[in-house]
Amino acid sequence: MKKIFPLFLLLFPGWVQAGGFQLSSLSAEPDAMGGCGMALPPGVCQVYYNPGAVSFLSRSHVNIGASLILPNTEFVQDQYIARTVPQVFSPFGCYANYKPKKGIWQAALGIYTPFGSGTEWKDDWMGQYIIRQIELRCVFVQPTLSLQLGKHLGFGLGGIYATGSMLLRRAIPVQDIYATGSARLSGDADGVGFNSGLYFQDGKLQLGLTYRSAVNMMLRKGKAEFQVPASLSDTFPNTTFHTTLPLPASAGVGLAWKFSDRFLLCADFNYVFWSTYDTLRFQYDTHTTSLQDTRLARLYKNSWNAHLGASYTLNDTWKFMAGGSYDASPATAGYISPDLPDANRLGLSAGIGWQRQDVKVIFKVEYFSTLPAKGTTLQDAADNFSGTYQTRVLVPGLGIDYAF
């Protein structure tokens, strides 16, 4: 039988893993323009990107979109190579606004997925004692009020209710002649926050300022389930656990410039307050010598991401979009875990739009690649598990907007 490590060292990697779980695929048109959205000409998807811009919409809209995230991560240690199991994730964004006949206000609603994704390795890969599979799914519901404060300025504020779930599987270094031990953790979480924005437009120029609060997801009565030899069942009892999962605040500024009626250039910059993710605390309803409440330090720092995009309107029917992005990783250099290996990330995107009367359809595709990064896990139980990681992600998607 292998050495039994204290369980708290085995179960929890840094699973709210920074930019890897934070999604940029929230609406087809901004996605196609490199993720720019804070200063685009008013659209109902700005319920998320900048609630202040909603106040300038001239009609009521419904906008529905979805993407397919197709990730692939490669791990290399000397001559050993491992790749993640193929997976598909499906973030979505649904937005609607109500434009009254009179008044400076507009009401809106957004339902979208700003955090999600996951990683799954083969059960027998060399890092199975750190992670086999991890998933985080999160949906935000955001009712919003947007006010036009004058000819040029709009302000919007939306309350956020977030709900989500997590799943984590990993091996435990105990075994008999039949199988290796394993752990499966799962649970549901929720939290609240807000999203706010200022929007300024004057002729060819649009500016946007936004602030999104942190959302602390409270996970209560999560399930911790273990498969171990019968002789260890008292040491690894099935139990419940509690924790708080911090989703970070961010502040952003955006600029868009209409060079002509056909050509638009835009840029966004976001600063993300990942340093609030400094510690994870876990409390268990059952304790043994191998299962104790624990506090895990993290070495995250604030980070930033930048986006550049452009659109060209060919005629009343066709529109073309393209863009790029750079997302700086908040992880401390050299410390990367295979649960969702995070590194500086480059993105490219393109899209084509078709419009006929009140209906607009946009198809977009995004491609992201992290820079190759060598990392070592933070857990002592991982025996300084280290290697080089690189993740590539393809994200096709479709959006439909209807004005009435």
Protein backbone atom coordinates (compact mmCIF):
# COMPACT_ATOMS: atom_id res chain seq x y z
CA MET A 1 0.00 0.00 0.00
CA LYS A 2 1.26 3.46 -0.81
CA LYS A 3 1.96 6.10 1.78
CA ILE A 4 -1.22 7.86 3.04
CA PHE A 5 -0.88 11.63 2.80
CA PRO A 6 -3.14 13.97 4.78
CA LEU A 7 -6.24 14.24 2.63
CA PHE A 8 -6.43 18.01 2.59
CA LEU A 9 -3.17 18.05 0.64
CA LEU A 10 -4.63 15.74 -1.95
CA LEU A 11 -8.07 17.09 -2.69
CA PHE A 12 -7.89 20.72 -3.61
CA PRO A 13 -5.73 22.33 -6.27
CA GLY A 14 -6.18 25.97 -7.22
CA TRP A 15 -9.40 25.14 -8.99
CA VAL A 16 -10.74 28.63 -9.52
CA GLN A 17 -7.81 28.79 -11.87
CA ALA A 18 -7.60 32.37 -13.03
CA GLY A 19 -8.01 33.29 -16.66
CA GLY A 20 -8.57 29.68 -17.66
CA PHE A 21 -12.05 29.63 -16.11
CA GLN A 22 -12.86 33.24 -17.03
CA LEU A 23 -14.67 33.25 -20.36
CA SER A 24 -14.66 35.94 -23.03
CA SER A 25 -17.26 34.26 -25.28
CA LEU A 26 -20.38 36.16 -24.18
CA SER A 27 -21.88 37.60 -27.39
CA ALA A 28 -21.06 36.89 -31.03
CA GLU A 29 -20.35 40.43 -32.29
CA PRO A 30 -17.94 41.53 -29.52
CA ASP A 31 -16.36 38.05 -29.59
CA ALA A 32 -15.63 38.44 -33.31
CA MET A 33 -13.95 41.79 -32.57
CA GLY A 34 -11.38 40.42 -30.16
CA GLY A 35 -13.67 40.64 -27.14
CA CYS A 36 -14.17 44.42 -27.37
CA GLY A 37 -17.56 45.54 -26.07
CA MET A 38 -17.39 48.43 -23.61
CA ALA A 39 -17.45 51.22 -26.20
CA LEU A 40 -19.16 49.64 -29.20
CA PRO A 41 -22.18 51.46 -30.69
CA PRO A 42 -25.13 50.57 -28.43
CA GLY A 43 -26.29 46.96 -28.51
CA VAL A 44 -28.33 44.93 -26.06
CA CYS A 45 -25.36 42.60 -25.29
CA GLN A 46 -23.85 45.58 -23.48
CA VAL A 47 -26.01 44.57 -20.54
CA TYR A 48 -22.81 42.64 -19.80
CA TYR A 49 -20.10 44.73 -21.45
CA ASN A 50 -21.31 48.21 -20.40
CA PRO A 51 -24.82 48.69 -18.93
CA GLY A 52 -24.57 52.45 -19.56
CA ALA A 53 -24.72 51.95 -23.34
CA VAL A 54 -28.14 50.28 -23.15
CA SER A 55 -29.77 53.67 -22.47
CA PHE A 56 -28.95 54.76 -26.07
CA LEU A 57 -30.78 51.90 -27.79
CA SER A 58 -33.52 53.22 -30.07
CA ARG A 59 -35.63 50.04 -29.97
CA SER A 60 -36.28 46.96 -27.84
CA HIS A 61 -34.12 43.95 -28.65
CA VAL A 62 -33.69 40.28 -27.89
CA ASN A 63 -30.24 38.80 -28.44
CA ILE A 64 -29.40 35.09 -28.09
CA GLY A 65 -26.03 33.49 -28.69
CA ALA A 66 -24.01 30.39 -27.85
CA SER A 67 -20.50 29.06 -28.41
CA LEU A 68 -18.71 25.73 -28.34
CA ILE A 69 -15.42 25.68 -26.42
CA LEU A 70 -13.11 22.92 -27.69
CA PRO A 71 -9.98 22.89 -25.48
CA ASN A 72 -6.83 20.80 -25.73
CA THR A 73 -3.97 20.88 -23.23
CA GLU A 74 -0.61 19.19 -23.63
CA PHE A 75 1.76 18.31 -20.76
CA VAL A 76 5.41 17.44 -21.36
CA GLN A 77 7.92 16.15 -18.81
CA ASP A 78 11.17 14.97 -20.40
CA GLN A 79 10.04 12.24 -22.83
CA TYR A 80 6.58 11.86 -21.32
CA ILE A 81 3.64 13.55 -23.11
CA ALA A 82 0.01 13.63 -21.96
CA ARG A 83 -3.00 15.30 -23.55
CA THR A 84 -6.38 16.08 -22.08
CA VAL A 85 -9.49 14.09 -22.99
CA PRO A 86 -11.54 15.89 -25.71
CA GLN A 87 -14.34 17.95 -24.13
CA VAL A 88 -16.96 20.45 -25.26
CA PHE A 89 -18.29 23.33 -23.18
CA SER A 90 -21.16 25.57 -24.27
CA PRO A 91 -21.22 29.10 -22.79
CA PHE A 92 -24.16 31.27 -23.79
CA GLY A 93 -25.49 34.81 -23.51
CA CYS A 94 -29.13 35.91 -23.63
CA TYR A 95 -29.98 39.61 -23.43
CA ALA A 96 -33.15 41.69 -23.76
CA ASN A 97 -34.14 45.32 -23.16
CA TYR A 98 -37.38 47.26 -22.95
CA LYS A 99 -37.44 50.69 -24.60
CA PRO A 100 -40.37 52.82 -23.32
CA LYS A 101 -42.06 55.35 -25.59
CA LYS A 102 -40.97 58.15 -23.28
CA GLY A 103 -38.41 58.57 -20.54
CA ILE A 104 -34.67 58.50 -20.01
CA TRP A 105 -34.59 54.93 -18.68
CA GLN A 106 -34.48 51.44 -20.14
CA ALA A 107 -34.84 48.13 -18.35
CA ALA A 108 -32.83 45.09 -19.42
CA LEU A 109 -31.96 41.55 -18.46
CA GLY A 110 -28.89 39.44 -19.11
CA ILE A 111 -28.39 35.72 -18.49
CA TYR A 112 -24.84 34.66 -19.35
CA THR A 113 -21.88 32.47 -18.42
CA PRO A 114 -18.75 34.51 -17.58
CA PHE A 115 -17.00 31.63 -15.79
CA GLY A 116 -16.91 27.97 -16.76
CA SER A 117 -14.92 25.25 -18.54
CA GLY A 118 -12.76 22.47 -17.14
CA THR A 119 -10.02 19.91 -17.72
CA GLU A 120 -10.08 16.11 -17.90
CA TRP A 121 -7.01 13.88 -18.10
CA LYS A 122 -6.94 10.11 -18.57
CA ASP A 123 -7.37 8.34 -15.25
CA ASP A 124 -3.97 6.62 -15.47
CA TRP A 125 -1.87 9.66 -16.43
CA MET A 126 1.17 10.47 -14.25
CA GLY A 127 -0.57 13.43 -12.58
CA GLN A 128 -3.66 11.50 -11.50
CA TYR A 129 -2.93 12.14 -7.80
CA ILE A 130 -3.23 15.87 -8.47
CA ILE A 131 -6.20 15.85 -10.83
CA ARG A 132 -8.17 13.61 -13.14
CA GLN A 133 -11.07 15.89 -13.94
CA ILE A 134 -12.32 19.31 -12.90
CA GLU A 135 -15.28 21.41 -14.05
CA LEU A 136 -16.72 24.74 -12.99
CA ARG A 137 -20.03 25.97 -14.43
CA CYS A 138 -21.47 29.35 -13.51
CA VAL A 139 -24.50 31.33 -14.75
CA PHE A 140 -25.11 35.02 -13.97
CA VAL A 141 -28.62 36.53 -13.97
CA GLN A 142 -28.44 40.34 -14.24
CA PRO A 143 -31.51 42.61 -14.15
CA THR A 144 -30.35 46.08 -15.22
CA LEU A 145 -31.51 49.68 -15.23
CA SER A 146 -29.86 52.08 -17.69
CA LEU A 147 -30.31 55.88 -17.65
CA GLN A 148 -29.50 58.40 -20.38
CA LEU A 149 -28.13 61.35 -18.43
CA GLY A 150 -27.96 63.72 -21.39
CA LYS A 151 -27.28 63.79 -25.08
CA HIS A 152 -23.88 62.16 -24.71
CA LEU A 153 -23.77 60.24 -21.40
CA GLY A 154 -25.42 57.07 -20.11
CA PHE A 155 -25.16 55.18 -16.82
CA GLY A 156 -26.21 51.61 -16.07
CA LEU A 157 -26.32 49.41 -13.00
CA GLY A 158 -27.25 45.74 -12.78
CA GLY A 159 -27.57 43.42 -9.82
CA ILE A 160 -26.10 39.94 -10.25
CA TYR A 161 -27.29 36.64 -8.89
CA ALA A 162 -24.81 33.87 -9.69
CA THR A 163 -25.42 30.16 -9.48
CA GLY A 164 -23.11 27.33 -10.41
CA SER A 165 -21.65 23.91 -9.75
CA MET A 166 -18.27 22.24 -9.46
CA LEU A 167 -16.90 18.75 -9.97
CA LEU A 168 -13.47 17.43 -9.07
CA ARG A 169 -12.05 13.91 -9.44
CA ARG A 170 -8.60 12.68 -8.51
CA ALA A 171 -6.75 9.56 -7.42
CA ILE A 172 -5.66 8.93 -3.84
CA PRO A 173 -2.28 7.20 -3.34
CA VAL A 174 -3.75 4.19 -1.54
CA GLN A 175 -4.48 0.93 -3.33
CA ASP A 176 -5.05 -2.78 -3.09
CA ILE A 177 -4.46 -5.43 -5.75
CA TYR A 178 -7.53 -4.32 -7.65
CA ALA A 179 -7.53 -0.52 -7.95
CA THR A 180 -6.14 2.83 -6.87
CA GLY A 181 -8.20 4.88 -4.44
CA SER A 182 -10.13 7.86 -5.76
CA ALA A 183 -11.97 10.96 -4.57
CA ARG A 184 -14.94 12.74 -6.14
CA LEU A 185 -16.08 16.15 -4.93
CA SER A 186 -19.13 17.97 -6.20
CA GLY A 187 -21.46 20.73 -5.09
CA ASP A 188 -23.60 23.74 -5.95
CA ALA A 189 -22.78 27.34 -5.09
CA ASP A 190 -24.32 30.80 -5.38
CA GLY A 191 -23.49 34.44 -4.72
CA VAL A 192 -24.41 38.05 -5.50
CA GLY A 193 -22.68 41.09 -6.99
CA PHE A 194 -23.22 43.97 -9.41
CA ASN A 195 -22.16 45.31 -12.81
CA SER A 196 -21.95 49.05 -13.58
CA GLY A 197 -20.90 51.22 -16.50
CA LEU A 198 -20.63 54.72 -17.94
CA TYR A 199 -20.96 55.27 -21.67
CA PHE A 200 -20.09 58.44 -23.61
CA GLN A 201 -20.72 59.06 -27.29
CA ASP A 202 -20.11 62.14 -29.38
CA GLY A 203 -20.06 61.86 -33.14
CA LYS A 204 -17.39 59.40 -34.22
CA LEU A 205 -16.12 58.75 -30.67
CA GLN A 206 -17.46 56.34 -28.05
CA LEU A 207 -15.94 55.76 -24.61
CA GLY A 208 -16.82 53.25 -21.91
CA LEU A 209 -15.90 52.77 -18.24
CA THR A 210 -17.02 49.72 -16.29
CA TYR A 211 -16.68 48.10 -12.89
CA ARG A 212 -17.84 44.57 -12.07
CA SER A 213 -17.83 43.58 -8.42
CA ALA A 214 -16.40 40.39 -7.00
CA VAL A 215 -18.84 37.53 -6.50
CA ASN A 216 -18.12 35.20 -3.61
CA MET A 217 -19.72 31.88 -4.45
CA MET A 218 -20.82 30.08 -1.28
CA LEU A 219 -20.66 26.31 -1.60
CA ARG A 220 -22.66 24.57 1.13
CA LYS A 221 -23.07 20.88 1.74
CA GLY A 222 -20.81 19.78 -1.07
CA LYS A 223 -20.37 16.01 -1.38
CA ALA A 224 -16.99 14.37 -0.80
CA GLU A 225 -17.09 10.72 -1.91
CA PHE A 226 -14.23 8.21 -1.75
CA GLN A 227 -13.46 4.79 -3.15
CA VAL A 228 -10.73 3.15 -1.05
CA PRO A 229 -9.91 -0.33 0.25
CA ALA A 230 -12.37 -1.45 2.93
CA SER A 231 -9.65 -1.29 5.60
CA LEU A 232 -9.42 2.50 5.04
CA SER A 233 -13.11 3.32 4.88
CA ASP A 234 -13.04 4.87 8.36
CA THR A 235 -10.09 7.07 7.40
CA PHE A 236 -11.73 8.26 4.19
CA PRO A 237 -15.44 8.59 5.09
CA ASN A 238 -17.96 10.05 2.68
CA THR A 239 -18.87 13.46 4.07
CA THR A 240 -19.90 17.02 3.20
CA PHE A 241 -17.81 20.17 2.96
CA HIS A 242 -18.22 23.96 2.79
CA THR A 243 -16.13 26.66 1.16
CA THR A 244 -16.23 30.07 -0.54
CA LEU A 245 -15.11 30.36 -4.15
CA PRO A 246 -14.03 33.91 -5.06
CA LEU A 247 -14.74 35.23 -8.55
CA PRO A 248 -12.73 38.46 -8.94
CA ALA A 249 -13.78 42.06 -9.50
CA SER A 250 -12.62 43.91 -12.61
CA ALA A 251 -12.43 47.47 -13.91
CA GLY A 252 -12.24 48.39 -17.57
CA VAL A 253 -11.99 51.15 -20.11
CA GLY A 254 -12.98 50.97 -23.77
CA LEU A 255 -12.70 53.23 -26.82
CA ALA A 256 -14.28 53.04 -30.27
CA TRP A 257 -13.77 55.34 -33.24
CA LYS A 258 -15.86 55.47 -36.42
CA PHE A 259 -13.46 56.32 -39.20
CA SER A 260 -16.42 56.30 -41.57
CA ASP A 261 -19.93 54.95 -41.82
CA ARG A 262 -18.37 51.63 -42.82
CA PHE A 263 -15.22 51.22 -40.74
CA LEU A 264 -14.98 51.03 -36.92
CA LEU A 265 -11.92 50.43 -34.72
CA CYS A 266 -12.23 49.61 -31.01
CA ALA A 267 -10.04 48.72 -28.04
CA ASP A 268 -10.72 47.48 -24.48
CA PHE A 269 -8.48 47.20 -21.44
CA ASN A 270 -9.46 45.33 -18.24
CA TYR A 271 -7.73 45.16 -14.88
CA VAL A 272 -8.73 42.06 -12.88
CA PHE A 273 -8.36 41.92 -9.09
CA TRP A 274 -7.15 38.34 -8.77
CA SER A 275 -5.12 39.15 -5.64
CA THR A 276 -8.32 38.71 -3.61
CA TYR A 277 -7.91 35.03 -4.39
CA ASP A 278 -5.18 34.55 -1.79
CA THR A 279 -6.55 31.71 0.33
CA LEU A 280 -8.98 28.80 0.00
CA ARG A 281 -10.57 27.47 3.19
CA PHE A 282 -12.37 24.13 3.43
CA GLN A 283 -14.50 22.91 6.32
CA TYR A 284 -15.68 19.33 6.68
CA ASP A 285 -18.59 17.92 8.62
CA THR A 286 -16.59 14.79 9.43
CA HIS A 287 -12.95 14.74 10.56
CA THR A 288 -10.34 12.00 10.77
CA THR A 289 -6.56 11.94 11.06
CA SER A 290 -6.43 12.30 7.25
CA LEU A 291 -9.35 14.68 6.81
CA GLN A 292 -9.03 18.01 8.58
CA ASP A 293 -10.29 21.54 7.93
CA THR A 294 -7.64 23.27 5.88
CA ARG A 295 -6.47 26.63 4.64
CA LEU A 296 -4.52 26.69 1.39
CA ALA A 297 -2.48 29.74 0.46
CA ARG A 298 -2.40 30.94 -3.14
CA LEU A 299 0.12 33.21 -4.89
CA TYR A 300 -2.17 35.06 -7.28
CA LYS A 301 -1.60 38.64 -8.32
CA ASN A 302 -3.75 41.22 -10.08
CA SER A 303 -3.59 40.93 -13.86
CA TRP A 304 -4.85 42.59 -17.03
CA ASN A 305 -6.11 41.82 -20.49
CA ALA A 306 -6.25 43.92 -23.66
CA HIS A 307 -8.42 43.63 -26.77
CA LEU A 308 -8.34 45.20 -30.23
CA GLY A 309 -11.04 44.85 -32.87
CA ALA A 310 -12.42 46.24 -36.11
CA SER A 311 -15.53 45.96 -38.25
CA TYR A 312 -16.25 46.80 -41.86
CA THR A 313 -19.83 47.19 -43.13
CA LEU A 314 -19.92 46.19 -46.77
CA ASN A 315 -23.56 47.13 -47.37
CA ASP A 316 -26.97 46.92 -45.69
CA THR A 317 -26.71 43.13 -45.58
CA TRP A 318 -23.11 42.09 -44.87
CA LYS A 319 -20.62 43.03 -42.14
CA PHE A 320 -17.14 41.65 -41.43
CA MET A 321 -15.30 41.65 -38.08
CA ALA A 322 -11.87 40.69 -36.77
CA GLY A 323 -9.77 41.18 -33.66
CA GLY A 324 -7.15 39.96 -31.24
CA SER A 325 -6.49 39.83 -27.50
CA TYR A 326 -3.79 39.27 -24.90
CA ASP A 327 -4.60 37.97 -21.41
CA ALA A 328 -1.84 38.13 -18.79
CA SER A 329 -1.93 35.24 -16.34
CA PRO A 330 -2.37 36.08 -12.63
CA ALA A 331 -0.49 32.96 -11.52
CA THR A 332 2.92 33.47 -9.99
CA ALA A 333 5.62 32.55 -12.49
CA GLY A 334 6.61 28.91 -12.25
CA TYR A 335 3.57 27.78 -10.22
CA ILE A 336 1.09 26.06 -12.50
CA SER A 337 -1.16 23.13 -11.70
CA PRO A 338 -2.62 20.65 -14.22
CA ASP A 339 -6.16 21.19 -12.89
CA LEU A 340 -6.48 24.09 -15.35
CA PRO A 341 -2.98 25.18 -16.35
CA ASP A 342 -2.96 28.93 -16.79
CA ALA A 343 -0.44 31.04 -18.68
CA ASN A 344 -0.28 34.20 -20.76
CA ARG A 345 -2.82 33.78 -23.53
CA LEU A 346 -3.09 35.10 -27.09
CA GLY A 347 -6.37 35.18 -29.00
CA LEU A 348 -7.49 35.80 -32.60
CA SER A 349 -11.06 36.12 -33.82
CA ALA A 350 -13.16 36.80 -36.91
CA GLY A 351 -16.81 36.96 -37.80
CA ILE A 352 -19.35 37.66 -40.49
CA GLY A 353 -22.73 39.29 -39.98
CA TRP A 354 -25.90 39.14 -42.07
CA GLN A 355 -28.82 41.53 -41.56
CA ARG A 356 -32.26 41.74 -43.09
CA GLN A 357 -34.75 44.28 -41.72
CA ASP A 358 -35.12 43.57 -37.97
CA VAL A 359 -33.02 40.39 -37.80
CA LYS A 360 -29.23 40.16 -37.53
CA VAL A 361 -27.25 36.90 -37.52
CA ILE A 362 -23.53 36.72 -36.71
CA PHE A 363 -21.20 33.74 -37.01
CA LYS A 364 -17.86 34.03 -35.23
CA VAL A 365 -14.82 31.88 -34.54
CA GLU A 366 -12.11 32.44 -31.92
CA TYR A 367 -8.77 30.75 -31.39
CA PHE A 368 -6.78 30.99 -28.16
CA SER A 369 -3.36 29.64 -27.30
CA THR A 370 -1.39 29.96 -24.10
CA LEU A 371 2.34 30.49 -24.38
CA PRO A 372 4.29 27.35 -23.37
CA ALA A 373 4.80 27.60 -19.61
CA LYS A 374 6.81 25.45 -17.23
CA GLY A 375 5.25 25.10 -13.82
CA THR A 376 5.39 23.29 -10.50
CA THR A 377 2.35 22.59 -8.34
CA LEU A 378 1.99 24.18 -4.93
CA GLN A 379 1.05 21.00 -3.06
CA ASP A 380 3.79 19.18 -1.16
CA ALA A 381 1.82 15.98 -1.74
CA ALA A 382 2.39 16.39 -5.45
CA ASP A 383 6.12 15.71 -4.94
CA ASN A 384 6.99 18.93 -6.80
CA PHE A 385 5.16 17.71 -9.88
CA SER A 386 6.47 19.81 -12.74
CA GLY A 387 6.40 20.03 -16.49
CA THR A 388 5.57 22.28 -19.42
CA TYR A 389 1.96 23.03 -20.36
CA GLN A 390 0.34 24.55 -23.42
CA THR A 391 -3.39 24.94 -24.06
CA ARG A 392 -5.11 25.61 -27.38
CA VAL A 393 -8.82 26.39 -27.67
CA LEU A 394 -11.14 26.70 -30.68
CA VAL A 395 -14.43 28.56 -30.09
CA PRO A 396 -17.02 28.74 -32.89
CA GLY A 397 -20.31 30.44 -32.12
CA LEU A 398 -23.51 32.00 -33.42
CA GLY A 399 -25.63 34.97 -32.35
CA ILE A 400 -29.08 36.20 -33.37
CA ASP A 401 -30.50 39.65 -32.63
CA TYR A 402 -34.13 40.70 -33.18
CA ALA A 403 -35.30 44.31 -32.86
CA PHE A 404 -38.95 45.30 -32.37
